[in-house]
Protein backbone atom coordinates (compact mmCIF):
# COMPACT_ATOMS: atom_id res chain seq x y z
CA MET A 1 -0.01 -0.22 -0.13
CA PRO A 2 1.27 3.47 -0.87
CA ALA A 3 2.55 5.01 2.26
CA ASP A 4 0.46 8.17 1.75
CA ARG A 5 -2.78 6.11 1.67
CA SER A 6 -1.65 3.87 4.56
CA ASP A 7 -0.78 7.06 6.66
CA GLU A 8 -4.31 8.35 5.66
CA ALA A 9 -6.12 5.43 6.86
CA ARG A 10 -3.93 5.07 9.97
CA TYR A 11 -4.93 8.76 11.17
CA LEU A 12 -9.26 7.90 10.35
CA ARG A 13 -8.24 4.79 12.73
CA GLN A 14 -6.80 7.22 14.90
CA LYS A 15 -9.73 9.61 14.95
CA ALA A 16 -12.19 7.00 15.08
CA GLN A 17 -10.64 5.76 18.24
CA GLN A 18 -10.56 9.27 19.76
CA PHE A 19 -14.41 9.42 18.97
CA ARG A 20 -15.03 6.24 20.58
CA GLU A 21 -13.43 7.22 23.76
CA LEU A 22 -15.14 10.51 24.15
CA ALA A 23 -18.45 8.65 23.53
CA ARG A 24 -17.64 6.12 26.09
CA THR A 25 -16.27 8.80 28.36
CA TYR A 26 -18.32 11.60 28.24
CA LYS A 27 -22.03 9.90 28.08
CA THR A 28 -24.41 12.71 26.50
CA GLU A 29 -26.72 12.95 24.07
CA ILE A 30 -24.36 13.00 21.22
CA SER A 31 -22.40 10.35 22.12
CA GLY A 32 -24.47 7.99 19.51
CA LYS A 33 -23.52 10.36 16.97
CA LEU A 34 -19.87 10.26 17.58
CA LEU A 35 -20.05 6.59 17.51
CA GLU A 36 -21.48 6.84 14.29
CA ILE A 37 -18.83 8.89 13.23
CA ALA A 38 -16.39 6.56 14.75
CA GLN A 39 -17.89 4.06 12.63
CA ASP A 40 -17.53 5.95 9.13
CA LEU A 41 -14.16 6.87 9.55
CA ASP A 42 -13.40 3.13 10.45
CA THR A 43 -15.08 2.37 6.74
CA ARG A 44 -13.46 4.71 5.28
CA ALA A 45 -9.85 3.45 6.41
CA GLU A 46 -11.41 -0.09 5.52
CA ASN A 47 -12.34 1.51 1.84
CA LEU A 48 -9.04 2.86 1.45
CA GLU A 49 -7.35 -0.14 2.17
CA LYS A 50 -9.10 -2.33 0.21
CA GLY A 51 -8.90 0.47 -2.82
CA ALA A 52 -4.89 0.28 -2.03
CA ARG A 53 -5.32 -3.43 -2.26
CA LYS A 54 -6.86 -3.38 -5.73
CA SER A 55 -5.06 -1.14 -7.38
CA ALA A 56 -1.52 -3.10 -6.13
CA ALA A 57 -3.28 -6.05 -7.68
CA ALA A 58 -4.06 -4.43 -10.53
CA HIS A 59 -0.60 -3.01 -11.18
CA VAL A 60 0.72 -6.39 -10.83
CA GLN A 61 -1.71 -7.88 -13.29
CA ARG A 62 -0.56 -5.06 -15.94
CA ARG A 63 3.28 -5.56 -15.24
CA PHE A 64 3.06 -9.28 -15.51
CA SER A 65 0.23 -9.63 -18.35
CA ASN A 66 0.73 -9.57 -22.18
CA GLY A 67 -1.41 -6.66 -22.64
CA SER A 68 -3.50 -7.87 -25.83
CA ALA A 69 -7.19 -7.97 -23.75
CA SER A 70 -6.88 -4.66 -21.92
CA ARG A 71 -5.53 -2.08 -24.60
CA ALA A 72 -6.69 -0.98 -27.51
CA ARG A 73 -5.09 -2.09 -30.97
CA ARG A 74 -2.48 0.34 -32.47
CA TYR A 75 -2.85 -0.91 -35.97
CA PRO A 76 -6.12 -2.34 -37.15
CA LEU A 77 -6.24 -5.92 -38.30
CA ARG A 78 -6.19 -6.36 -42.24
């Protein structure tokens, strides 16, 4: 995974943990909303990680394939 995506995912997870701690420490009427925000941040971090895995797999596939199926032909067949 590229470092910037990894760093962003780590940051989102840290923020999610902070929101959870706030919700549990200070039980107020917004605690439920804080837990929702934490869940959303975790989902975004997970999507970043999945996207990085997919793009890395696609890169490997492009690197080792013959490329004939994924690219348009340079010269038309006659």
